[in-house]
Amino acid sequence: MWVYEKKLEYPVKIKNCNPKLAKYVITQYGGPDGELAASIRYLSQRFSMPTEVAKATLNDIGTEELAHLEIVGSIVYQLTKGVPAKILEKEGLGGYFADHDRAVYPVNASGVPFTAAYIASKGDPIADLVEDLAAEQKARATYENLINMTDDPDVIDPLRFLREREVVHFQRFGEALRIVQEKLNERPFYIKKPEYAEVSPAANVSPAANKSPAANVSPAFQKK
């Protein structure tokens, strides 16, 4: 269902390495409010949505989050590319380097690996969409925190783009929630079944049954 274009959704061209910053940015790759969790969450929730619009919204945003995952991974990789192991260790990435070298691996800022516990998929469309609204706000806040931690324009630029997309996603989820609520609040429409003419019970009784008991008695036994 996907068509992959061999380019980032937004360019990442970082000139100056900064492994300490990479340690924090990577939380948006494999952390609780990161792009990996968001993409799996939305692409899982879409199946139980009651309207085609809601399904399409979750599918679209979940797909875009995969593109954002690629952007964040590119930022992390470029911030650490070519940095000697000793410097990585000094900047707090010694344990990470021991396990993964300079490869991009889904962890949060504290080094805790990605877990499916970050993903919410309840099957209740209202609960899931409200969860998604909160998730987008948490992601926006995290990007703002990261932007405030650096003065490198090469890093700030893509982070601002990602932050803006979280705001757009929040608005789209709000629209989807409204549509789903309207759908769930619809009153069922019934067409009343035509009334059939009622037939009296007597009409269904055979003529013989309508005779008086005396009519069935032999003349010989009838009183004179």
C-alpha atoms as a PDB file:
ATOM      1  CA  MET A   1       0.000   0.000   0.000  1.00  0.00           C
ATOM      2  CA  TRP A   2       2.961   2.353   0.429  1.00  0.00           C
ATOM      3  CA  VAL A   3       5.024   4.061  -2.220  1.00  0.00           C
ATOM      4  CA  TYR A   4       8.473   4.949  -0.902  1.00  0.00           C
ATOM      5  CA  GLU A   5      10.319   7.960  -2.235  1.00  0.00           C
ATOM      6  CA  LYS A   6      14.081   7.857  -1.759  1.00  0.00           C
ATOM      7  CA  LYS A   7      14.256  11.193   0.000  1.00  0.00           C
ATOM      8  CA  LEU A   8      13.420  12.569   3.405  1.00  0.00           C
ATOM      9  CA  GLU A   9      10.111  14.344   3.898  1.00  0.00           C
ATOM     10  CA  TYR A  10      12.207  17.244   5.183  1.00  0.00           C
ATOM     11  CA  PRO A  11      15.965  17.595   4.520  1.00  0.00           C
ATOM     12  CA  VAL A  12      18.500  16.996   7.289  1.00  0.00           C
ATOM     13  CA  LYS A  13      21.983  18.406   6.664  1.00  0.00           C
ATOM     14  CA  ILE A  14      23.884  18.742   9.927  1.00  0.00           C
ATOM     15  CA  LYS A  15      27.431  20.112   9.690  1.00  0.00           C
ATOM     16  CA  ASN A  16      28.525  19.894  13.332  1.00  0.00           C
ATOM     17  CA  CYS A  17      28.485  16.689  15.363  1.00  0.00           C
ATOM     18  CA  ASN A  18      26.972  16.814  18.833  1.00  0.00           C
ATOM     19  CA  PRO A  19      26.734  13.389  20.502  1.00  0.00           C
ATOM     20  CA  LYS A  20      25.334  14.846  23.720  1.00  0.00           C
ATOM     21  CA  LEU A  21      22.388  16.306  21.819  1.00  0.00           C
ATOM     22  CA  ALA A  22      21.959  13.046  19.904  1.00  0.00           C
ATOM     23  CA  LYS A  23      21.475  11.279  23.235  1.00  0.00           C
ATOM     24  CA  TYR A  24      18.407  13.445  23.837  1.00  0.00           C
ATOM     25  CA  VAL A  25      17.016  13.623  20.295  1.00  0.00           C
ATOM     26  CA  ILE A  26      16.919   9.834  20.073  1.00  0.00           C
ATOM     27  CA  THR A  27      13.983   9.789  22.486  1.00  0.00           C
ATOM     28  CA  GLN A  28      11.826  10.870  19.547  1.00  0.00           C
ATOM     29  CA  TYR A  29      13.000   7.750  17.745  1.00  0.00           C
ATOM     30  CA  GLY A  30      12.351   5.115  20.399  1.00  0.00           C
ATOM     31  CA  GLY A  31      10.893   6.928  23.407  1.00  0.00           C
ATOM     32  CA  PRO A  32       7.330   6.920  24.775  1.00  0.00           C
ATOM     33  CA  ASP A  33       6.259   9.976  22.777  1.00  0.00           C
ATOM     34  CA  GLY A  34       8.405   9.246  19.748  1.00  0.00           C
ATOM     35  CA  GLU A  35       7.673   8.547  16.124  1.00  0.00           C
ATOM     36  CA  LEU A  36       8.006   4.758  16.271  1.00  0.00           C
ATOM     37  CA  ALA A  37       5.378   4.484  18.994  1.00  0.00           C
ATOM     38  CA  ALA A  38       3.108   6.928  17.173  1.00  0.00           C
ATOM     39  CA  SER A  39       3.261   5.123  13.842  1.00  0.00           C
ATOM     40  CA  ILE A  40       2.511   1.688  15.320  1.00  0.00           C
ATOM     41  CA  ARG A  41      -0.216   3.124  17.553  1.00  0.00           C
ATOM     42  CA  TYR A  42      -2.123   4.801  14.740  1.00  0.00           C
ATOM     43  CA  LEU A  43      -1.701   2.009  12.208  1.00  0.00           C
ATOM     44  CA  SER A  44      -3.026  -0.451  14.806  1.00  0.00           C
ATOM     45  CA  GLN A  45      -5.983   1.666  15.922  1.00  0.00           C
ATOM     46  CA  ARG A  46      -7.284   2.262  12.403  1.00  0.00           C
ATOM     47  CA  PHE A  47      -8.825  -1.209  12.090  1.00  0.00           C
ATOM     48  CA  SER A  48     -11.463  -0.608  14.783  1.00  0.00           C
ATOM     49  CA  MET A  49     -12.539   2.871  13.675  1.00  0.00           C
ATOM     50  CA  PRO A  50     -16.279   3.075  12.821  1.00  0.00           C
ATOM     51  CA  THR A  51     -15.978   5.505   9.888  1.00  0.00           C
ATOM     52  CA  GLU A  52     -13.920   5.497   6.713  1.00  0.00           C
ATOM     53  CA  VAL A  53     -12.769   9.052   7.430  1.00  0.00           C
ATOM     54  CA  ALA A  54     -11.333   8.035  10.808  1.00  0.00           C
ATOM     55  CA  LYS A  55      -9.636   4.990   9.302  1.00  0.00           C
ATOM     56  CA  ALA A  56      -8.103   7.107   6.552  1.00  0.00           C
ATOM     57  CA  THR A  57      -6.939   9.738   9.047  1.00  0.00           C
ATOM     58  CA  LEU A  58      -5.154   7.188  11.211  1.00  0.00           C
ATOM     59  CA  ASN A  59      -3.682   5.518   8.152  1.00  0.00           C
ATOM     60  CA  ASP A  60      -2.395   8.814   6.734  1.00  0.00           C
ATOM     61  CA  ILE A  61      -0.902  10.073   9.982  1.00  0.00           C
ATOM     62  CA  GLY A  62       0.549   6.684  10.910  1.00  0.00           C
ATOM     63  CA  THR A  63       2.271   6.595   7.532  1.00  0.00           C
ATOM     64  CA  GLU A  64       3.641  10.108   7.945  1.00  0.00           C
ATOM     65  CA  GLU A  65       5.004   9.193  11.371  1.00  0.00           C
ATOM     66  CA  LEU A  66       7.168   6.580   9.647  1.00  0.00           C
ATOM     67  CA  ALA A  67       8.596   9.389   7.527  1.00  0.00           C
ATOM     68  CA  HIS A  68       9.238  11.376  10.698  1.00  0.00           C
ATOM     69  CA  LEU A  69      10.973   8.358  12.208  1.00  0.00           C
ATOM     70  CA  GLU A  70      13.341   8.463   9.254  1.00  0.00           C
ATOM     71  CA  ILE A  71      14.011  12.173   9.831  1.00  0.00           C
ATOM     72  CA  VAL A  72      14.784  11.680  13.525  1.00  0.00           C
ATOM     73  CA  GLY A  73      17.042   8.740  12.729  1.00  0.00           C
ATOM     74  CA  SER A  74      18.921  10.895  10.228  1.00  0.00           C
ATOM     75  CA  ILE A  75      19.398  13.648  12.826  1.00  0.00           C
ATOM     76  CA  VAL A  76      20.776  11.197  15.389  1.00  0.00           C
ATOM     77  CA  TYR A  77      23.095   9.534  12.900  1.00  0.00           C
ATOM     78  CA  GLN A  78      24.488  12.803  11.565  1.00  0.00           C
ATOM     79  CA  LEU A  79      25.057  14.143  15.081  1.00  0.00           C
ATOM     80  CA  THR A  80      27.275  11.149  15.907  1.00  0.00           C
ATOM     81  CA  LYS A  81      28.792  10.315  12.534  1.00  0.00           C
ATOM     82  CA  GLY A  82      32.575   9.930  12.781  1.00  0.00           C
ATOM     83  CA  VAL A  83      32.758  10.851  16.465  1.00  0.00           C
ATOM     84  CA  PRO A  84      35.511   8.825  18.215  1.00  0.00           C
ATOM     85  CA  ALA A  85      34.423   6.220  20.753  1.00  0.00           C
ATOM     86  CA  LYS A  86      36.185   8.032  23.602  1.00  0.00           C
ATOM     87  CA  ILE A  87      34.219  11.206  22.973  1.00  0.00           C
ATOM     88  CA  LEU A  88      30.961   9.271  22.727  1.00  0.00           C
ATOM     89  CA  GLU A  89      31.768   7.737  26.093  1.00  0.00           C
ATOM     90  CA  LYS A  90      32.584  11.140  27.558  1.00  0.00           C
ATOM     91  CA  GLU A  91      29.262  12.534  26.311  1.00  0.00           C
ATOM     92  CA  GLY A  92      27.257   9.762  27.968  1.00  0.00           C
ATOM     93  CA  LEU A  93      26.936   7.368  25.031  1.00  0.00           C
ATOM     94  CA  GLY A  94      29.507   4.799  26.151  1.00  0.00           C
ATOM     95  CA  GLY A  95      26.947   2.111  26.958  1.00  0.00           C
ATOM     96  CA  TYR A  96      25.051   2.817  23.757  1.00  0.00           C
ATOM     97  CA  PHE A  97      28.259   2.582  21.705  1.00  0.00           C
ATOM     98  CA  ALA A  98      29.190  -0.709  23.374  1.00  0.00           C
ATOM     99  CA  ASP A  99      25.890  -2.257  22.285  1.00  0.00           C
ATOM    100  CA  HIS A 100      25.175  -0.550  18.967  1.00  0.00           C
ATOM    101  CA  ASP A 101      28.286   1.322  17.776  1.00  0.00           C
ATOM    102  CA  ARG A 102      26.904   4.354  15.907  1.00  0.00           C
ATOM    103  CA  ALA A 103      23.851   2.546  14.575  1.00  0.00           C
ATOM    104  CA  VAL A 104      20.452   4.071  15.253  1.00  0.00           C
ATOM    105  CA  TYR A 105      18.579   1.982  17.808  1.00  0.00           C
ATOM    106  CA  PRO A 106      15.163   2.748  19.372  1.00  0.00           C
ATOM    107  CA  VAL A 107      15.753   3.905  22.941  1.00  0.00           C
ATOM    108  CA  ASN A 108      14.627   6.866  25.007  1.00  0.00           C
ATOM    109  CA  ALA A 109      16.886   9.618  26.317  1.00  0.00           C
ATOM    110  CA  SER A 110      17.807   7.467  29.323  1.00  0.00           C
ATOM    111  CA  GLY A 111      18.809   4.527  27.137  1.00  0.00           C
ATOM    112  CA  VAL A 112      15.738   2.395  27.888  1.00  0.00           C
ATOM    113  CA  PRO A 113      14.841   0.315  24.794  1.00  0.00           C
ATOM    114  CA  PHE A 114      11.556   0.763  22.986  1.00  0.00           C
ATOM    115  CA  THR A 115       8.651  -1.230  24.388  1.00  0.00           C
ATOM    116  CA  ALA A 116       5.154  -2.036  23.146  1.00  0.00           C
ATOM    117  CA  ALA A 117       3.885  -0.608  26.441  1.00  0.00           C
ATOM    118  CA  TYR A 118       4.185   2.805  24.754  1.00  0.00           C
ATOM    119  CA  ILE A 119       1.379   1.842  22.379  1.00  0.00           C
ATOM    120  CA  ALA A 120      -2.312   2.256  23.192  1.00  0.00           C
ATOM    121  CA  SER A 121      -4.928   0.481  21.093  1.00  0.00           C
ATOM    122  CA  LYS A 122      -8.121   0.041  23.103  1.00  0.00           C
ATOM    123  CA  GLY A 123     -10.708  -0.757  20.445  1.00  0.00           C
ATOM    124  CA  ASP A 124     -12.944   2.035  21.724  1.00  0.00           C
ATOM    125  CA  PRO A 125     -12.797   4.759  19.035  1.00  0.00           C
ATOM    126  CA  ILE A 126     -13.397   7.635  21.455  1.00  0.00           C
ATOM    127  CA  ALA A 127     -10.755   6.400  23.900  1.00  0.00           C
ATOM    128  CA  ASP A 128      -8.241   5.824  21.106  1.00  0.00           C
ATOM    129  CA  LEU A 129      -8.737   9.205  19.445  1.00  0.00           C
ATOM    130  CA  VAL A 130      -8.507  11.063  22.753  1.00  0.00           C
ATOM    131  CA  GLU A 131      -5.296   9.119  23.404  1.00  0.00           C
ATOM    132  CA  ASP A 132      -4.023  10.251  20.009  1.00  0.00           C
ATOM    133  CA  LEU A 133      -4.803  13.888  20.752  1.00  0.00           C
ATOM    134  CA  ALA A 134      -2.773  13.643  23.959  1.00  0.00           C
ATOM    135  CA  ALA A 135       0.050  11.821  22.162  1.00  0.00           C
ATOM    136  CA  GLU A 136       0.407  14.614  19.624  1.00  0.00           C
ATOM    137  CA  GLN A 137       0.544  17.237  22.356  1.00  0.00           C
ATOM    138  CA  LYS A 138       3.216  15.280  24.233  1.00  0.00           C
ATOM    139  CA  ALA A 139       5.266  14.915  21.060  1.00  0.00           C
ATOM    140  CA  ARG A 140       4.931  18.653  20.387  1.00  0.00           C
ATOM    141  CA  ALA A 141       6.130  19.437  23.909  1.00  0.00           C
ATOM    142  CA  THR A 142       9.118  17.096  23.527  1.00  0.00           C
ATOM    143  CA  TYR A 143      10.185  18.745  20.276  1.00  0.00           C
ATOM    144  CA  GLU A 144       9.942  22.141  21.950  1.00  0.00           C
ATOM    145  CA  ASN A 145      12.165  20.877  24.775  1.00  0.00           C
ATOM    146  CA  LEU A 146      14.733  19.630  22.264  1.00  0.00           C
ATOM    147  CA  ILE A 147      14.679  22.912  20.339  1.00  0.00           C
ATOM    148  CA  ASN A 148      15.376  24.765  23.580  1.00  0.00           C
ATOM    149  CA  MET A 149      18.425  22.560  24.208  1.00  0.00           C
ATOM    150  CA  THR A 150      20.380  23.614  21.110  1.00  0.00           C
ATOM    151  CA  ASP A 151      21.380  26.690  19.157  1.00  0.00           C
ATOM    152  CA  ASP A 152      22.402  24.755  16.034  1.00  0.00           C
ATOM    153  CA  PRO A 153      20.154  25.943  13.156  1.00  0.00           C
ATOM    154  CA  ASP A 154      20.828  22.720  11.230  1.00  0.00           C
ATOM    155  CA  VAL A 155      19.150  20.787  14.042  1.00  0.00           C
ATOM    156  CA  ILE A 156      16.516  23.345  14.989  1.00  0.00           C
ATOM    157  CA  ASP A 157      15.160  23.564  11.438  1.00  0.00           C
ATOM    158  CA  PRO A 158      14.018  19.919  11.068  1.00  0.00           C
ATOM    159  CA  LEU A 159      12.892  19.820  14.700  1.00  0.00           C
ATOM    160  CA  ARG A 160      10.637  22.818  14.057  1.00  0.00           C
ATOM    161  CA  PHE A 161       9.187  21.083  11.028  1.00  0.00           C
ATOM    162  CA  LEU A 162       8.413  17.997  13.107  1.00  0.00           C
ATOM    163  CA  ARG A 163       6.850  20.120  15.824  1.00  0.00           C
ATOM    164  CA  GLU A 164       4.583  21.849  13.309  1.00  0.00           C
ATOM    165  CA  ARG A 165       3.419  18.522  11.918  1.00  0.00           C
ATOM    166  CA  GLU A 166       2.410  17.406  15.413  1.00  0.00           C
ATOM    167  CA  VAL A 167       0.159  20.480  15.627  1.00  0.00           C
ATOM    168  CA  VAL A 168      -1.436  19.588  12.274  1.00  0.00           C
ATOM    169  CA  HIS A 169      -1.960  15.990  13.386  1.00  0.00           C
ATOM    170  CA  PHE A 170      -3.647  17.209  16.559  1.00  0.00           C
ATOM    171  CA  GLN A 171      -6.117  19.206  14.472  1.00  0.00           C
ATOM    172  CA  ARG A 172      -6.843  16.277  12.166  1.00  0.00           C
ATOM    173  CA  PHE A 173      -7.455  13.950  15.105  1.00  0.00           C
ATOM    174  CA  GLY A 174      -9.850  16.535  16.531  1.00  0.00           C
ATOM    175  CA  GLU A 175     -11.807  16.493  13.276  1.00  0.00           C
ATOM    176  CA  ALA A 176     -11.842  12.686  13.254  1.00  0.00           C
ATOM    177  CA  LEU A 177     -13.112  12.619  16.845  1.00  0.00           C
ATOM    178  CA  ARG A 178     -15.974  14.963  15.956  1.00  0.00           C
ATOM    179  CA  ILE A 179     -16.983  12.794  12.990  1.00  0.00           C
ATOM    180  CA  VAL A 180     -16.857   9.611  15.063  1.00  0.00           C
ATOM    181  CA  GLN A 181     -18.932  11.174  17.853  1.00  0.00           C
ATOM    182  CA  GLU A 182     -21.565  12.261  15.338  1.00  0.00           C
ATOM    183  CA  LYS A 183     -21.630   8.750  13.911  1.00  0.00           C
ATOM    184  CA  LEU A 184     -22.028   7.119  17.319  1.00  0.00           C
ATOM    185  CA  ASN A 185     -24.755   9.592  18.332  1.00  0.00           C
ATOM    186  CA  GLU A 186     -26.887   8.967  15.252  1.00  0.00           C
ATOM    187  CA  ARG A 187     -30.405   7.818  16.092  1.00  0.00           C
ATOM    188  CA  PRO A 188     -31.354   4.619  14.280  1.00  0.00           C
ATOM    189  CA  PHE A 189     -33.893   5.140  11.491  1.00  0.00           C
ATOM    190  CA  TYR A 190     -36.693   2.614  11.180  1.00  0.00           C
ATOM    191  CA  ILE A 191     -39.477   2.215   8.588  1.00  0.00           C
ATOM    192  CA  LYS A 192     -42.596   0.967  10.303  1.00  0.00           C
ATOM    193  CA  LYS A 193     -43.827  -2.322   8.982  1.00  0.00           C
ATOM    194  CA  PRO A 194     -47.282  -2.029   7.298  1.00  0.00           C
ATOM    195  CA  GLU A 195     -50.154  -3.150   9.483  1.00  0.00           C
ATOM    196  CA  TYR A 196     -51.955  -6.195   8.197  1.00  0.00           C
ATOM    197  CA  ALA A 197     -55.796  -6.361   8.545  1.00  0.00           C
ATOM    198  CA  GLU A 198     -56.659  -8.126  11.750  1.00  0.00           C
ATOM    199  CA  VAL A 199     -58.821 -11.184  11.304  1.00  0.00           C
ATOM    200  CA  SER A 200     -61.312 -12.049  14.061  1.00  0.00           C
ATOM    201  CA  PRO A 201     -60.811 -15.448  15.696  1.00  0.00           C
ATOM    202  CA  ALA A 202     -64.251 -16.547  14.583  1.00  0.00           C
ATOM    203  CA  ALA A 203     -63.291 -16.199  10.953  1.00  0.00           C
ATOM    204  CA  ASN A 204     -60.678 -18.924  11.355  1.00  0.00           C
ATOM    205  CA  VAL A 205     -63.087 -21.453  12.864  1.00  0.00           C
ATOM    206  CA  SER A 206     -64.648 -24.088  10.582  1.00  0.00           C
ATOM    207  CA  PRO A 207     -68.459 -23.902  10.027  1.00  0.00           C
ATOM    208  CA  ALA A 208     -68.926 -27.215  11.781  1.00  0.00           C
ATOM    209  CA  ALA A 209     -67.374 -25.863  14.937  1.00  0.00           C
ATOM    210  CA  ASN A 210     -69.864 -22.990  14.949  1.00  0.00           C
ATOM    211  CA  LYS A 211     -72.845 -25.321  15.283  1.00  0.00           C
ATOM    212  CA  SER A 212     -74.561 -25.608  18.651  1.00  0.00           C
ATOM    213  CA  PRO A 213     -73.922 -28.821  20.633  1.00  0.00           C
ATOM    214  CA  ALA A 214     -77.540 -29.889  20.039  1.00  0.00           C
ATOM    215  CA  ALA A 215     -77.003 -29.953  16.322  1.00  0.00           C
ATOM    216  CA  ASN A 216     -74.546 -32.846  16.727  1.00  0.00           C
ATOM    217  CA  VAL A 217     -76.945 -34.988  18.809  1.00  0.00           C
ATOM    218  CA  SER A 218     -78.867 -37.815  17.150  1.00  0.00           C
ATOM    219  CA  PRO A 219     -82.656 -37.103  16.762  1.00  0.00           C
ATOM    220  CA  ALA A 220     -83.459 -40.179  18.801  1.00  0.00           C
ATOM    221  CA  PHE A 221     -81.843 -38.721  21.895  1.00  0.00           C
ATOM    222  CA  GLN A 222     -83.308 -35.285  21.511  1.00  0.00           C
ATOM    223  CA  LYS A 223     -86.031 -34.331  23.968  1.00  0.00           C
ATOM    224  CA  LYS A 224     -89.462 -34.032  22.544  1.00  0.00           C
END
